[in-house]
Amino acid sequence: MQEHEKSRIIEMAWEDRTPFEAIEATFGYAEKDVIKLMRSNLKPSSFRLWRERVSGRKTKHKSLRSPDVSRGYCPTQYKR
């Protein structure tokens, strides 16, 4: 994996509204793989903080989301 891909996966994992399924569709990394990547690339305290944030969060798990939300990112994201 290239450094910019790893960086983007970590960024997407930190984003509140990007579900793990979007990361898997884009990079082929399932939730368990993202967790391993985050564990190996973050400080232990940062990893624990991230895990607390995403555990059970409706926006990080597509199955918990409202069916009205069909996108994996904010529509205004990356507009310049």
PDB file of N, CA and C in Angstrom:
ATOM      1  N   MET A   1       0.849  -1.171   0.000  1.00  0.00           N
ATOM      2  CA  MET A   1       0.000   0.000   0.000  1.00  0.00           C
ATOM      3  C   MET A   1       0.900   1.240   0.000  1.00  0.00           C
ATOM      4  N   GLN A   2       0.526   2.192  -0.821  1.00  0.00           N
ATOM      5  CA  GLN A   2       1.294   3.433  -0.893  1.00  0.00           C
ATOM      6  C   GLN A   2       0.952   4.335   0.286  1.00  0.00           C
ATOM      7  N   GLU A   3       1.885   5.203   0.627  1.00  0.00           N
ATOM      8  CA  GLU A   3       1.720   6.076   1.790  1.00  0.00           C
ATOM      9  C   GLU A   3       0.482   6.975   1.674  1.00  0.00           C
ATOM     10  N   HIS A   4       0.209   7.496   0.470  1.00  0.00           N
ATOM     11  CA  HIS A   4      -0.952   8.378   0.316  1.00  0.00           C
ATOM     12  C   HIS A   4      -2.266   7.606   0.474  1.00  0.00           C
ATOM     13  N   GLU A   5      -2.276   6.322   0.105  1.00  0.00           N
ATOM     14  CA  GLU A   5      -3.472   5.504   0.303  1.00  0.00           C
ATOM     15  C   GLU A   5      -3.698   5.242   1.794  1.00  0.00           C
ATOM     16  N   LYS A   6      -2.623   4.904   2.489  1.00  0.00           N
ATOM     17  CA  LYS A   6      -2.718   4.666   3.927  1.00  0.00           C
ATOM     18  C   LYS A   6      -3.209   5.932   4.632  1.00  0.00           C
ATOM     19  N   SER A   7      -2.671   7.059   4.241  1.00  0.00           N
ATOM     20  CA  SER A   7      -3.072   8.331   4.827  1.00  0.00           C
ATOM     21  C   SER A   7      -4.555   8.614   4.580  1.00  0.00           C
ATOM     22  N   ARG A   8      -5.026   8.321   3.369  1.00  0.00           N
ATOM     23  CA  ARG A   8      -6.433   8.565   3.036  1.00  0.00           C
ATOM     24  C   ARG A   8      -7.367   7.630   3.808  1.00  0.00           C
ATOM     25  N   ILE A   9      -6.973   6.374   3.991  1.00  0.00           N
ATOM     26  CA  ILE A   9      -7.785   5.433   4.766  1.00  0.00           C
ATOM     27  C   ILE A   9      -7.900   5.922   6.212  1.00  0.00           C
ATOM     28  N   ILE A  10      -6.791   6.366   6.789  1.00  0.00           N
ATOM     29  CA  ILE A  10      -6.806   6.880   8.161  1.00  0.00           C
ATOM     30  C   ILE A  10      -7.693   8.117   8.242  1.00  0.00           C
ATOM     31  N   GLU A  11      -7.590   8.979   7.268  1.00  0.00           N
ATOM     32  CA  GLU A  11      -8.432  10.181   7.235  1.00  0.00           C
ATOM     33  C   GLU A  11      -9.913   9.806   7.158  1.00  0.00           C
ATOM     34  N   MET A  12     -10.249   8.875   6.280  1.00  0.00           N
ATOM     35  CA  MET A  12     -11.641   8.442   6.138  1.00  0.00           C
ATOM     36  C   MET A  12     -12.140   7.779   7.422  1.00  0.00           C
ATOM     37  N   ALA A  13     -11.272   7.029   8.090  1.00  0.00           N
ATOM     38  CA  ALA A  13     -11.659   6.366   9.333  1.00  0.00           C
ATOM     39  C   ALA A  13     -11.968   7.385  10.430  1.00  0.00           C
ATOM     40  N   TRP A  14     -11.263   8.505  10.448  1.00  0.00           N
ATOM     41  CA  TRP A  14     -11.513   9.546  11.444  1.00  0.00           C
ATOM     42  C   TRP A  14     -12.773  10.343  11.141  1.00  0.00           C
ATOM     43  N   GLU A  15     -13.160  10.418   9.872  1.00  0.00           N
ATOM     44  CA  GLU A  15     -14.334  11.204   9.496  1.00  0.00           C
ATOM     45  C   GLU A  15     -15.600  10.586  10.082  1.00  0.00           C
ATOM     46  N   ASP A  16     -16.436  11.416  10.666  1.00  0.00           N
ATOM     47  CA  ASP A  16     -17.644  10.914  11.324  1.00  0.00           C
ATOM     48  C   ASP A  16     -18.651  10.327  10.348  1.00  0.00           C
ATOM     49  N   ARG A  17     -18.764  10.874   9.178  1.00  0.00           N
ATOM     50  CA  ARG A  17     -19.835  10.465   8.266  1.00  0.00           C
ATOM     51  C   ARG A  17     -19.389   9.511   7.159  1.00  0.00           C
ATOM     52  N   THR A  18     -18.180   9.021   7.229  1.00  0.00           N
ATOM     53  CA  THR A  18     -17.715   8.063   6.231  1.00  0.00           C
ATOM     54  C   THR A  18     -17.831   6.654   6.808  1.00  0.00           C
ATOM     55  N   PRO A  19     -18.746   5.833   6.281  1.00  0.00           N
ATOM     56  CA  PRO A  19     -18.921   4.487   6.840  1.00  0.00           C
ATOM     57  C   PRO A  19     -17.761   3.558   6.445  1.00  0.00           C
ATOM     58  N   PHE A  20     -17.575   2.545   7.248  1.00  0.00           N
ATOM     59  CA  PHE A  20     -16.533   1.563   6.952  1.00  0.00           C
ATOM     60  C   PHE A  20     -16.761   0.918   5.588  1.00  0.00           C
ATOM     61  N   GLU A  21     -18.014   0.788   5.196  1.00  0.00           N
ATOM     62  CA  GLU A  21     -18.333   0.183   3.898  1.00  0.00           C
ATOM     63  C   GLU A  21     -17.780   1.021   2.741  1.00  0.00           C
ATOM     64  N   ALA A  22     -17.721   2.341   2.905  1.00  0.00           N
ATOM     65  CA  ALA A  22     -17.156   3.210   1.864  1.00  0.00           C
ATOM     66  C   ALA A  22     -15.650   2.987   1.748  1.00  0.00           C
ATOM     67  N   ILE A  23     -14.987   2.779   2.876  1.00  0.00           N
ATOM     68  CA  ILE A  23     -13.550   2.484   2.861  1.00  0.00           C
ATOM     69  C   ILE A  23     -13.314   1.147   2.176  1.00  0.00           C
ATOM     70  N   GLU A  24     -14.158   0.177   2.485  1.00  0.00           N
ATOM     71  CA  GLU A  24     -14.007  -1.143   1.868  1.00  0.00           C
ATOM     72  C   GLU A  24     -14.252  -1.080   0.364  1.00  0.00           C
ATOM     73  N   ALA A  25     -15.258  -0.329  -0.055  1.00  0.00           N
ATOM     74  CA  ALA A  25     -15.558  -0.212  -1.489  1.00  0.00           C
ATOM     75  C   ALA A  25     -14.437   0.500  -2.239  1.00  0.00           C
ATOM     76  N   THR A  26     -13.809   1.476  -1.602  1.00  0.00           N
ATOM     77  CA  THR A  26     -12.767   2.264  -2.252  1.00  0.00           C
ATOM     78  C   THR A  26     -11.408   1.576  -2.224  1.00  0.00           C
ATOM     79  N   PHE A  27     -11.046   1.006  -1.058  1.00  0.00           N
ATOM     80  CA  PHE A  27      -9.696   0.465  -0.878  1.00  0.00           C
ATOM     81  C   PHE A  27      -9.637  -1.038  -0.639  1.00  0.00           C
ATOM     82  N   GLY A  28     -10.791  -1.676  -0.446  1.00  0.00           N
ATOM     83  CA  GLY A  28     -10.796  -3.111  -0.194  1.00  0.00           C
ATOM     84  C   GLY A  28     -10.445  -3.483   1.237  1.00  0.00           C
ATOM     85  N   TYR A  29     -10.507  -2.530   2.143  1.00  0.00           N
ATOM     86  CA  TYR A  29     -10.200  -2.768   3.551  1.00  0.00           C
ATOM     87  C   TYR A  29     -11.496  -2.893   4.342  1.00  0.00           C
ATOM     88  N   ALA A  30     -11.750  -4.072   4.891  1.00  0.00           N
ATOM     89  CA  ALA A  30     -12.926  -4.287   5.737  1.00  0.00           C
ATOM     90  C   ALA A  30     -12.697  -3.586   7.081  1.00  0.00           C
ATOM     91  N   GLU A  31     -13.736  -3.478   7.875  1.00  0.00           N
ATOM     92  CA  GLU A  31     -13.633  -2.787   9.168  1.00  0.00           C
ATOM     93  C   GLU A  31     -12.498  -3.355  10.019  1.00  0.00           C
ATOM     94  N   LYS A  32     -12.377  -4.681  10.081  1.00  0.00           N
ATOM     95  CA  LYS A  32     -11.312  -5.279  10.900  1.00  0.00           C
ATOM     96  C   LYS A  32      -9.930  -4.896  10.388  1.00  0.00           C
ATOM     97  N   ASP A  33      -9.777  -4.730   9.059  1.00  0.00           N
ATOM     98  CA  ASP A  33      -8.494  -4.314   8.486  1.00  0.00           C
ATOM     99  C   ASP A  33      -8.195  -2.852   8.810  1.00  0.00           C
ATOM    100  N   VAL A  34      -9.235  -2.030   8.802  1.00  0.00           N
ATOM    101  CA  VAL A  34      -9.073  -0.613   9.150  1.00  0.00           C
ATOM    102  C   VAL A  34      -8.653  -0.498  10.613  1.00  0.00           C
ATOM    103  N   ILE A  35      -9.255  -1.299  11.470  1.00  0.00           N
ATOM    104  CA  ILE A  35      -8.901  -1.291  12.891  1.00  0.00           C
ATOM    105  C   ILE A  35      -7.426  -1.665  13.063  1.00  0.00           C
ATOM    106  N   LYS A  36      -6.971  -2.692  12.369  1.00  0.00           N
ATOM    107  CA  LYS A  36      -5.559  -3.096  12.438  1.00  0.00           C
ATOM    108  C   LYS A  36      -4.645  -1.978  11.952  1.00  0.00           C
ATOM    109  N   LEU A  37      -5.024  -1.341  10.844  1.00  0.00           N
ATOM    110  CA  LEU A  37      -4.231  -0.240  10.288  1.00  0.00           C
ATOM    111  C   LEU A  37      -4.157   0.922  11.282  1.00  0.00           C
ATOM    112  N   MET A  38      -5.290   1.262  11.869  1.00  0.00           N
ATOM    113  CA  MET A  38      -5.325   2.360  12.834  1.00  0.00           C
ATOM    114  C   MET A  38      -4.482   2.010  14.070  1.00  0.00           C
ATOM    115  N   ARG A  39      -4.591   0.776  14.541  1.00  0.00           N
ATOM    116  CA  ARG A  39      -3.827   0.348  15.721  1.00  0.00           C
ATOM    117  C   ARG A  39      -2.319   0.462  15.471  1.00  0.00           C
ATOM    118  N   SER A  40      -1.893   0.117  14.269  1.00  0.00           N
ATOM    119  CA  SER A  40      -0.461   0.121  13.983  1.00  0.00           C
ATOM    120  C   SER A  40       0.081   1.496  13.592  1.00  0.00           C
ATOM    121  N   ASN A  41      -0.793   2.451  13.296  1.00  0.00           N
ATOM    122  CA  ASN A  41      -0.319   3.757  12.840  1.00  0.00           C
ATOM    123  C   ASN A  41      -0.639   4.919  13.778  1.00  0.00           C
ATOM    124  N   LEU A  42      -1.396   4.658  14.833  1.00  0.00           N
ATOM    125  CA  LEU A  42      -1.720   5.704  15.801  1.00  0.00           C
ATOM    126  C   LEU A  42      -1.043   5.408  17.130  1.00  0.00           C
ATOM    127  N   LYS A  43      -0.845   6.443  17.906  1.00  0.00           N
ATOM    128  CA  LYS A  43      -0.379   6.245  19.273  1.00  0.00           C
ATOM    129  C   LYS A  43      -1.473   5.493  20.017  1.00  0.00           C
ATOM    130  N   PRO A  44      -1.122   4.706  21.032  1.00  0.00           N
ATOM    131  CA  PRO A  44      -2.142   3.938  21.765  1.00  0.00           C
ATOM    132  C   PRO A  44      -3.291   4.804  22.282  1.00  0.00           C
ATOM    133  N   SER A  45      -2.991   5.981  22.804  1.00  0.00           N
ATOM    134  CA  SER A  45      -4.067   6.840  23.331  1.00  0.00           C
ATOM    135  C   SER A  45      -4.959   7.356  22.205  1.00  0.00           C
ATOM    136  N   SER A  46      -4.380   7.652  21.053  1.00  0.00           N
ATOM    137  CA  SER A  46      -5.168   8.109  19.905  1.00  0.00           C
ATOM    138  C   SER A  46      -6.041   6.985  19.375  1.00  0.00           C
ATOM    139  N   PHE A  47      -5.493   5.772  19.354  1.00  0.00           N
ATOM    140  CA  PHE A  47      -6.276   4.622  18.907  1.00  0.00           C
ATOM    141  C   PHE A  47      -7.467   4.401  19.826  1.00  0.00           C
ATOM    142  N   ARG A  48      -7.265   4.443  21.138  1.00  0.00           N
ATOM    143  CA  ARG A  48      -8.369   4.249  22.090  1.00  0.00           C
ATOM    144  C   ARG A  48      -9.434   5.333  21.905  1.00  0.00           C
ATOM    145  N   LEU A  49      -9.021   6.569  21.712  1.00  0.00           N
ATOM    146  CA  LEU A  49      -9.959   7.666  21.483  1.00  0.00           C
ATOM    147  C   LEU A  49     -10.772   7.425  20.217  1.00  0.00           C
ATOM    148  N   TRP A  50     -10.099   7.000  19.151  1.00  0.00           N
ATOM    149  CA  TRP A  50     -10.788   6.717  17.887  1.00  0.00           C
ATOM    150  C   TRP A  50     -11.789   5.570  18.056  1.00  0.00           C
ATOM    151  N   ARG A  51     -11.381   4.494  18.725  1.00  0.00           N
ATOM    152  CA  ARG A  51     -12.279   3.345  18.914  1.00  0.00           C
ATOM    153  C   ARG A  51     -13.516   3.744  19.705  1.00  0.00           C
ATOM    154  N   GLU A  52     -13.336   4.585  20.718  1.00  0.00           N
ATOM    155  CA  GLU A  52     -14.489   5.068  21.486  1.00  0.00           C
ATOM    156  C   GLU A  52     -15.433   5.847  20.576  1.00  0.00           C
ATOM    157  N   ARG A  53     -14.858   6.662  19.706  1.00  0.00           N
ATOM    158  CA  ARG A  53     -15.673   7.496  18.813  1.00  0.00           C
ATOM    159  C   ARG A  53     -16.493   6.680  17.840  1.00  0.00           C
ATOM    160  N   VAL A  54     -15.904   5.656  17.245  1.00  0.00           N
ATOM    161  CA  VAL A  54     -16.583   4.943  16.164  1.00  0.00           C
ATOM    162  C   VAL A  54     -17.407   3.741  16.617  1.00  0.00           C
ATOM    163  N   SER A  55     -17.191   3.257  17.808  1.00  0.00           N
ATOM    164  CA  SER A  55     -17.922   2.076  18.279  1.00  0.00           C
ATOM    165  C   SER A  55     -19.408   2.388  18.403  1.00  0.00           C
ATOM    166  N   GLY A  56     -20.197   1.713  17.593  1.00  0.00           N
ATOM    167  CA  GLY A  56     -21.638   1.879  17.632  1.00  0.00           C
ATOM    168  C   GLY A  56     -22.166   3.157  17.003  1.00  0.00           C
ATOM    169  N   ARG A  57     -21.287   3.979  16.440  1.00  0.00           N
ATOM    170  CA  ARG A  57     -21.715   5.238  15.823  1.00  0.00           C
ATOM    171  C   ARG A  57     -22.523   4.929  14.565  1.00  0.00           C
ATOM    172  N   LYS A  58     -23.719   5.457  14.490  1.00  0.00           N
ATOM    173  CA  LYS A  58     -24.611   5.162  13.374  1.00  0.00           C
ATOM    174  C   LYS A  58     -24.017   5.573  12.035  1.00  0.00           C
ATOM    175  N   THR A  59     -23.284   6.665  12.000  1.00  0.00           N
ATOM    176  CA  THR A  59     -22.765   7.151  10.722  1.00  0.00           C
ATOM    177  C   THR A  59     -21.567   6.342  10.228  1.00  0.00           C
ATOM    178  N   LYS A  60     -20.930   5.552  11.088  1.00  0.00           N
ATOM    179  CA  LYS A  60     -19.770   4.757  10.679  1.00  0.00           C
ATOM    180  C   LYS A  60     -20.153   3.353  10.226  1.00  0.00           C
ATOM    181  N   HIS A  61     -21.382   2.960  10.438  1.00  0.00           N
ATOM    182  CA  HIS A  61     -21.825   1.618  10.074  1.00  0.00           C
ATOM    183  C   HIS A  61     -23.073   1.738   9.206  1.00  0.00           C
ATOM    184  N   LYS A  62     -22.952   1.375   7.969  1.00  0.00           N
ATOM    185  CA  LYS A  62     -24.040   1.544   7.010  1.00  0.00           C
ATOM    186  C   LYS A  62     -25.330   0.870   7.473  1.00  0.00           C
ATOM    187  N   SER A  63     -25.206  -0.269   8.122  1.00  0.00           N
ATOM    188  CA  SER A  63     -26.402  -0.992   8.557  1.00  0.00           C
ATOM    189  C   SER A  63     -27.157  -0.243   9.656  1.00  0.00           C
ATOM    190  N   LEU A  64     -26.498   0.658  10.372  1.00  0.00           N
ATOM    191  CA  LEU A  64     -27.144   1.426  11.425  1.00  0.00           C
ATOM    192  C   LEU A  64     -27.690   2.761  10.920  1.00  0.00           C
ATOM    193  N   ARG A  65     -27.302   3.139   9.704  1.00  0.00           N
ATOM    194  CA  ARG A  65     -27.713   4.425   9.140  1.00  0.00           C
ATOM    195  C   ARG A  65     -29.168   4.430   8.718  1.00  0.00           C
ATOM    196  N   SER A  66     -29.692   5.621   8.613  1.00  0.00           N
ATOM    197  CA  SER A  66     -31.029   5.784   8.071  1.00  0.00           C
ATOM    198  C   SER A  66     -31.000   5.389   6.596  1.00  0.00           C
ATOM    199  N   PRO A  67     -32.008   4.719   6.094  1.00  0.00           N
ATOM    200  CA  PRO A  67     -32.028   4.343   4.673  1.00  0.00           C
ATOM    201  C   PRO A  67     -32.106   5.556   3.742  1.00  0.00           C
ATOM    202  N   ASP A  68     -32.413   6.717   4.301  1.00  0.00           N
ATOM    203  CA  ASP A  68     -32.482   7.938   3.497  1.00  0.00           C
ATOM    204  C   ASP A  68     -31.096   8.433   3.075  1.00  0.00           C
ATOM    205  N   VAL A  69     -30.045   7.991   3.775  1.00  0.00           N
ATOM    206  CA  VAL A  69     -28.678   8.419   3.465  1.00  0.00           C
ATOM    207  C   VAL A  69     -28.063   7.405   2.513  1.00  0.00           C
ATOM    208  N   SER A  70     -27.794   7.838   1.287  1.00  0.00           N
ATOM    209  CA  SER A  70     -27.265   6.905   0.288  1.00  0.00           C
ATOM    210  C   SER A  70     -25.826   7.207  -0.103  1.00  0.00           C
ATOM    211  N   ARG A  71     -25.224   8.226   0.488  1.00  0.00           N
ATOM    212  CA  ARG A  71     -23.856   8.584   0.134  1.00  0.00           C
ATOM    213  C   ARG A  71     -22.924   8.298   1.305  1.00  0.00           C
ATOM    214  N   GLY A  72     -21.626   8.212   1.019  1.00  0.00           N
ATOM    215  CA  GLY A  72     -20.646   7.918   2.057  1.00  0.00           C
ATOM    216  C   GLY A  72     -19.842   9.113   2.479  1.00  0.00           C
ATOM    217  N   TYR A  73     -20.167  10.288   1.946  1.00  0.00           N
ATOM    218  CA  TYR A  73     -19.411  11.485   2.294  1.00  0.00           C
ATOM    219  C   TYR A  73     -20.309  12.701   2.131  1.00  0.00           C
ATOM    220  N   CYS A  74     -19.879  13.807   2.672  1.00  0.00           N
ATOM    221  CA  CYS A  74     -20.635  15.050   2.560  1.00  0.00           C
ATOM    222  C   CYS A  74     -20.580  15.555   1.127  1.00  0.00           C
ATOM    223  N   PRO A  75     -21.717  15.962   0.529  1.00  0.00           N
ATOM    224  CA  PRO A  75     -21.708  16.389  -0.878  1.00  0.00           C
ATOM    225  C   PRO A  75     -20.872  17.638  -1.117  1.00  0.00           C
ATOM    226  N   THR A  76     -20.573  18.421  -0.087  1.00  0.00           N
ATOM    227  CA  THR A  76     -19.754  19.617  -0.287  1.00  0.00           C
ATOM    228  C   THR A  76     -18.272  19.350  -0.021  1.00  0.00           C
ATOM    229  N   GLN A  77     -17.948  18.135   0.364  1.00  0.00           N
ATOM    230  CA  GLN A  77     -16.567  17.780   0.661  1.00  0.00           C
ATOM    231  C   GLN A  77     -15.718  17.843  -0.589  1.00  0.00           C
ATOM    232  N   TYR A  78     -14.544  18.389  -0.456  1.00  0.00           N
ATOM    233  CA  TYR A  78     -13.538  18.488  -1.520  1.00  0.00           C
ATOM    234  C   TYR A  78     -13.927  19.429  -2.657  1.00  0.00           C
ATOM    235  N   LYS A  79     -14.893  20.292  -2.445  1.00  0.00           N
ATOM    236  CA  LYS A  79     -15.207  21.303  -3.471  1.00  0.00           C
ATOM    237  C   LYS A  79     -14.312  22.504  -3.219  1.00  0.00           C
ATOM    238  N   ARG A  80     -13.687  22.973  -4.257  1.00  0.00           N
ATOM    239  CA  ARG A  80     -12.781  24.120  -4.130  1.00  0.00           C
ATOM    240  C   ARG A  80     -13.182  25.216  -5.052  1.00  0.00           C
TER     241      ARG A  80
END
